[in-house]
N, C-alpha and C. Protein backbone atom coordinates (compact mmCIF):
# COMPACT_ATOMS: atom_id res chain seq x y z
N UNK A 1 3.28 -9.29 20.52
CA UNK A 1 3.28 -9.32 18.60
C UNK A 1 3.96 -8.12 18.13
N UNK A 2 4.66 -8.07 17.41
CA UNK A 2 5.71 -6.93 16.87
C UNK A 2 4.76 -6.36 15.91
N UNK A 3 4.78 -4.78 15.12
CA UNK A 3 4.71 -4.21 14.19
C UNK A 3 4.85 -5.28 12.88
N UNK A 4 3.97 -4.32 11.76
CA UNK A 4 4.96 -5.11 10.38
C UNK A 4 6.10 -4.14 10.23
N UNK A 5 6.81 -3.87 9.48
CA UNK A 5 7.91 -3.89 9.96
C UNK A 5 8.52 -3.53 8.07
N UNK A 6 7.82 -2.17 7.20
CA UNK A 6 7.90 -2.11 5.98
C UNK A 6 9.57 -1.45 5.23
N UNK A 7 10.22 -1.28 6.49
CA UNK A 7 11.09 -0.90 6.14
C UNK A 7 12.22 -2.54 5.63
N UNK A 8 11.97 -3.58 6.10
CA UNK A 8 12.17 -4.95 5.82
C UNK A 8 12.08 -5.37 4.49
N UNK A 9 11.01 -4.46 3.72
CA UNK A 9 10.99 -4.33 2.28
C UNK A 9 10.82 -3.52 1.40
N UNK A 10 11.63 -2.70 2.20
CA UNK A 10 11.91 -0.91 1.49
C UNK A 10 13.05 -1.06 1.37
N UNK A 11 13.44 -0.46 0.08
CA UNK A 11 14.95 0.03 0.30
C UNK A 11 14.88 1.12 0.82
N UNK A 12 16.11 1.02 1.73
CA UNK A 12 16.26 1.87 2.34
C UNK A 12 16.29 3.52 1.77
N UNK A 13 16.68 3.72 0.48
CA UNK A 13 16.10 5.14 -0.02
C UNK A 13 14.81 5.45 0.15
N UNK A 14 13.80 4.60 0.50
CA UNK A 14 12.50 4.80 0.98
C UNK A 14 12.11 5.06 2.22
N UNK A 15 12.55 6.34 2.64
CA UNK A 15 12.35 6.68 4.68
C UNK A 15 11.12 6.84 4.73
N UNK A 16 10.30 6.91 3.62
CA UNK A 16 8.74 7.30 4.06
C UNK A 16 8.35 6.16 4.99
N UNK A 17 9.04 5.15 4.74
CA UNK A 17 8.86 3.48 5.56
C UNK A 17 8.70 3.49 7.17
N UNK A 18 9.59 4.57 7.32
CA UNK A 18 9.38 4.89 8.81
C UNK A 18 8.63 5.33 9.47
N UNK A 19 7.45 5.91 8.54
CA UNK A 19 6.66 6.90 9.41
C UNK A 19 5.45 6.14 8.98
N UNK A 20 5.11 4.70 8.27
CA UNK A 20 4.13 3.97 8.23
C UNK A 20 3.70 3.96 9.71
N UNK A 21 2.09 3.56 9.32
CA UNK A 21 1.66 3.17 10.58
C UNK A 21 1.17 1.93 10.85
N UNK A 22 1.72 1.35 9.80
CA UNK A 22 1.60 -0.37 9.79
C UNK A 22 3.14 -0.80 10.72
N UNK A 23 3.79 0.04 11.08
CA UNK A 23 5.00 -0.19 11.74
C UNK A 23 4.53 -0.52 13.40
N UNK A 24 3.61 0.37 13.04
CA UNK A 24 3.38 0.51 14.85
C UNK A 24 2.44 -0.61 15.16
N UNK A 25 1.92 -1.37 14.34
CA UNK A 25 0.70 -2.21 14.65
C UNK A 25 0.85 -3.71 14.85
N UNK A 26 0.62 -4.61 15.45
CA UNK A 26 0.85 -6.23 15.12
C UNK A 26 -0.20 -7.13 14.32
N UNK A 27 0.40 -8.01 14.40
CA UNK A 27 -0.31 -8.52 12.97
C UNK A 27 -0.07 -8.59 11.64
N UNK A 28 -1.28 -9.43 10.56
CA UNK A 28 -0.73 -9.14 9.30
C UNK A 28 -1.58 -8.85 8.37
N UNK A 29 -1.87 -7.72 8.71
CA UNK A 29 -3.62 -7.21 8.14
C UNK A 29 -3.01 -6.43 6.87
N UNK A 30 -2.10 -6.55 6.18
CA UNK A 30 -1.73 -6.14 5.10
C UNK A 30 -1.41 -7.38 3.88
N UNK A 31 -1.43 -8.28 4.27
CA UNK A 31 -1.69 -9.87 3.37
C UNK A 31 -2.00 -10.95 3.79
N UNK A 32 -3.44 -10.46 3.84
CA UNK A 32 -4.79 -11.38 3.79
C UNK A 32 -4.65 -12.55 3.02
N UNK A 33 -4.94 -13.72 3.60
CA UNK A 33 -5.33 -14.89 2.28
C UNK A 33 -6.39 -14.98 1.46
N UNK A 34 -6.51 -15.62 0.47
CA UNK A 34 -7.16 -15.10 -0.97
C UNK A 34 -8.84 -14.98 0.28
N UNK A 35 -9.65 -14.32 -0.28
CA UNK A 35 -10.93 -14.33 0.39
C UNK A 35 -11.16 -14.00 1.64
N UNK A 36 -10.31 -13.31 2.26
CA UNK A 36 -10.22 -12.90 3.38
C UNK A 36 -10.34 -11.38 3.36
N UNK A 37 -10.86 -10.70 4.22
CA UNK A 37 -11.08 -9.14 3.77
C UNK A 37 -9.98 -7.93 4.03
N UNK A 38 -9.64 -7.34 3.34
CA UNK A 38 -8.86 -6.04 3.54
C UNK A 38 -8.91 -5.17 4.69
N UNK A 39 -10.42 -4.89 4.84
CA UNK A 39 -11.04 -3.77 5.67
C UNK A 39 -10.05 -3.43 7.37
N UNK A 40 -9.76 -4.44 7.66
CA UNK A 40 -8.93 -4.10 8.47
C UNK A 40 -7.71 -3.30 8.64
N UNK A 41 -6.86 -3.52 7.37
CA UNK A 41 -5.52 -3.01 7.17
C UNK A 41 -5.75 -1.46 6.42
N UNK A 42 -6.78 -1.55 5.78
CA UNK A 42 -7.12 -0.38 4.91
C UNK A 42 -7.83 0.37 6.27
N UNK A 43 -8.36 0.13 7.15
CA UNK A 43 -8.61 1.25 8.29
C UNK A 43 -7.39 2.01 8.98
N UNK A 44 -6.17 0.87 8.64
CA UNK A 44 -4.99 1.34 9.72
C UNK A 44 -4.12 2.34 8.40
N UNK A 45 -4.80 2.18 7.16
CA UNK A 45 -3.51 3.08 6.37
C UNK A 45 -4.06 4.60 5.77
N UNK A 46 -5.50 4.08 6.46
CA UNK A 46 -6.54 5.42 5.93
C UNK A 46 -5.90 6.71 7.13
N UNK A 47 -5.30 5.87 8.03
CA UNK A 47 -4.59 7.21 9.24
C UNK A 47 -3.38 7.19 8.84
N UNK A 48 -2.40 6.51 7.77
CA UNK A 48 -1.23 6.75 7.73
C UNK A 48 -0.82 8.05 7.33
N UNK A 49 0.44 8.57 7.79
CA UNK A 49 0.55 9.91 7.40
C UNK A 49 1.71 9.47 5.91
N UNK A 50 2.19 8.54 5.44
CA UNK A 50 2.65 8.21 4.13
C UNK A 50 2.05 7.51 3.05
N UNK A 51 0.18 7.16 3.39
CA UNK A 51 0.08 6.42 2.71
C UNK A 51 -0.30 6.72 1.09
N UNK A 52 0.22 7.65 0.43
CA UNK A 52 0.34 8.01 -0.85
C UNK A 52 1.99 7.84 -1.14
N UNK A 53 2.71 7.72 -0.41
CA UNK A 53 4.21 7.39 -0.40
C UNK A 53 4.06 6.04 -0.64
N UNK A 54 3.32 4.97 0.30
CA UNK A 54 3.24 3.66 0.13
C UNK A 54 2.26 3.16 -1.12
N UNK A 55 1.63 3.84 -1.89
CA UNK A 55 0.54 3.30 -2.42
C UNK A 55 1.83 3.36 -4.17
N UNK A 56 2.34 4.56 -4.19
CA UNK A 56 3.37 5.25 -5.03
C UNK A 56 4.44 3.57 -5.18
N UNK A 57 5.21 3.54 -3.86
CA UNK A 57 5.87 2.75 -4.10
C UNK A 57 5.29 0.92 -4.75
N UNK A 58 4.21 0.54 -4.49
CA UNK A 58 3.08 -0.22 -4.88
C UNK A 58 3.21 -0.41 -6.36
N UNK A 59 2.90 0.90 -7.01
CA UNK A 59 2.71 1.02 -8.30
C UNK A 59 3.97 1.06 -9.10
N UNK A 60 4.94 1.68 -8.32
CA UNK A 60 6.17 1.72 -9.28
C UNK A 60 6.71 0.43 -9.48
N UNK A 61 6.79 -0.68 -8.39
CA UNK A 61 7.44 -1.46 -8.11
C UNK A 61 6.56 -3.10 -8.42
N UNK A 62 5.25 -2.85 -8.96
CA UNK A 62 4.64 -3.82 -9.81
C UNK A 62 4.42 -4.67 -8.46
N UNK A 63 3.80 -4.10 -7.22
CA UNK A 63 3.73 -5.47 -6.22
C UNK A 63 2.41 -6.23 -6.63
N UNK A 64 2.38 -7.55 -6.34
CA UNK A 64 1.44 -7.72 -6.71
C UNK A 64 0.32 -8.51 -5.59
N UNK A 65 0.82 -8.25 -4.63
CA UNK A 65 0.22 -9.12 -3.51
C UNK A 65 0.08 -7.38 -1.91
N UNK A 66 -0.92 -8.04 -1.31
CA UNK A 66 -1.07 -7.31 0.06
C UNK A 66 -1.86 -6.21 -0.61
N UNK A 67 -1.96 -5.24 0.95
CA UNK A 67 -2.30 -3.89 0.48
C UNK A 67 -1.62 -2.86 0.68
N UNK A 68 -1.88 -2.16 -0.05
CA UNK A 68 -0.46 -0.79 0.14
C UNK A 68 -0.82 0.48 -0.18
N UNK A 69 -0.83 1.43 0.41
CA UNK A 69 -1.61 2.73 0.09
C UNK A 69 -3.15 2.64 0.83
N UNK A 70 -3.14 1.62 1.22
CA UNK A 70 -4.99 1.59 1.59
C UNK A 70 -5.48 0.86 0.21
N UNK A 71 -4.60 0.28 -0.65
CA UNK A 71 -5.58 -0.51 -1.81
C UNK A 71 -5.21 -1.87 -2.15
N UNK A 72 -6.54 -2.80 -2.50
CA UNK A 72 -5.94 -3.94 -2.58
C UNK A 72 -5.28 -4.27 -3.60
N UNK A 73 -4.40 -5.35 -3.78
CA UNK A 73 -4.48 -6.00 -5.65
C UNK A 73 -5.18 -5.31 -6.73
N UNK A 74 -6.49 -5.83 -6.18
CA UNK A 74 -7.31 -5.69 -6.92
C UNK A 74 -7.83 -4.12 -7.60
N UNK A 75 -7.74 -3.16 -6.28
CA UNK A 75 -7.95 -2.09 -6.61
C UNK A 75 -7.04 -1.25 -7.06
N UNK A 76 -5.73 -1.75 -6.98
CA UNK A 76 -4.46 -0.94 -7.50
C UNK A 76 -4.04 -1.19 -9.29
N UNK A 77 -4.63 -2.48 -9.52
CA UNK A 77 -5.34 -2.97 -10.69
C UNK A 77 -5.92 -2.02 -11.74
N UNK A 78 -7.18 -1.95 -11.00
CA UNK A 78 -8.23 -1.28 -11.65
C UNK A 78 -7.38 0.18 -11.94
N UNK A 79 -6.85 0.69 -10.90
CA UNK A 79 -6.32 2.41 -10.61
C UNK A 79 -5.64 2.23 -11.67
N UNK A 80 -4.52 1.13 -12.33
CA UNK A 80 -3.46 1.38 -13.48
C UNK A 80 -3.97 1.23 -14.73
N UNK A 81 -5.33 0.34 -14.82
CA UNK A 81 -5.73 0.27 -16.53
C UNK A 81 -6.79 1.65 -15.97
N UNK A 82 -7.65 2.41 -15.42
CA UNK A 82 -8.16 3.61 -15.44
C UNK A 82 -6.83 4.26 -15.92
N UNK A 83 -5.78 4.22 -15.42
CA UNK A 83 -5.16 5.61 -15.86
C UNK A 83 -4.47 5.60 -16.93
N UNK A 84 -4.15 4.37 -17.49
CA UNK A 84 -3.96 3.93 -18.75
C UNK A 84 -4.92 4.21 -19.59
N UNK A 85 -6.22 4.06 -19.38
CA UNK A 85 -7.12 4.61 -20.40
C UNK A 85 -7.47 5.89 -20.17
N UNK A 86 -7.60 6.81 -19.46
CA UNK A 86 -7.23 8.09 -19.65
C UNK A 86 -6.12 8.59 -20.26
N UNK A 87 -4.45 7.71 -20.37
CA UNK A 87 -3.64 8.09 -21.37
C UNK A 87 -3.19 8.78 -20.35
N UNK A 88 -3.31 8.95 -18.61
CA UNK A 88 -2.31 9.51 -17.99
C UNK A 88 -1.06 8.66 -17.17
N UNK A 89 -0.08 9.25 -17.46
CA UNK A 89 0.66 8.05 -16.91
C UNK A 89 1.54 8.20 -15.58
N UNK A 90 0.55 9.33 -14.72
CA UNK A 90 0.85 9.65 -13.26
C UNK A 90 -0.38 8.02 -12.69
N UNK A 91 0.55 7.33 -11.92
CA UNK A 91 -0.07 6.35 -11.17
C UNK A 91 -1.07 6.52 -9.96
N UNK A 92 -0.59 7.42 -9.44
CA UNK A 92 -1.38 7.74 -8.17
C UNK A 92 -2.30 9.18 -8.25
N UNK A 93 -3.19 9.48 -7.61
CA UNK A 93 -4.29 10.29 -7.90
C UNK A 93 -3.84 10.86 -6.25
N UNK A 94 -3.82 12.31 -6.07
CA UNK A 94 -3.33 13.35 -5.21
C UNK A 94 -4.51 12.92 -4.41
N UNK A 95 -4.32 12.40 -2.99
CA UNK A 95 -5.17 12.14 -2.38
C UNK A 95 -5.66 13.04 -1.17
């Protein structure tokens, strides 16, 4: 089994994807079926050196599916709503 290759869906200008922990791990932990746990992917994200960049990519590109930067779709939607309610245009809280 090969690792997920984030560069296959990330534009070349996003060179952070080459350093993503998910690129080293087999399986599809980042796009679980509805109702399936996101924890396995999030554990991998927790040790990822480019987690913040990944999350910012997901927010900037309105990624609707999967775990990005250690957050599920629902968590990202909540983050966006919370930041808008605070009147803060910055999408990512410094990790």
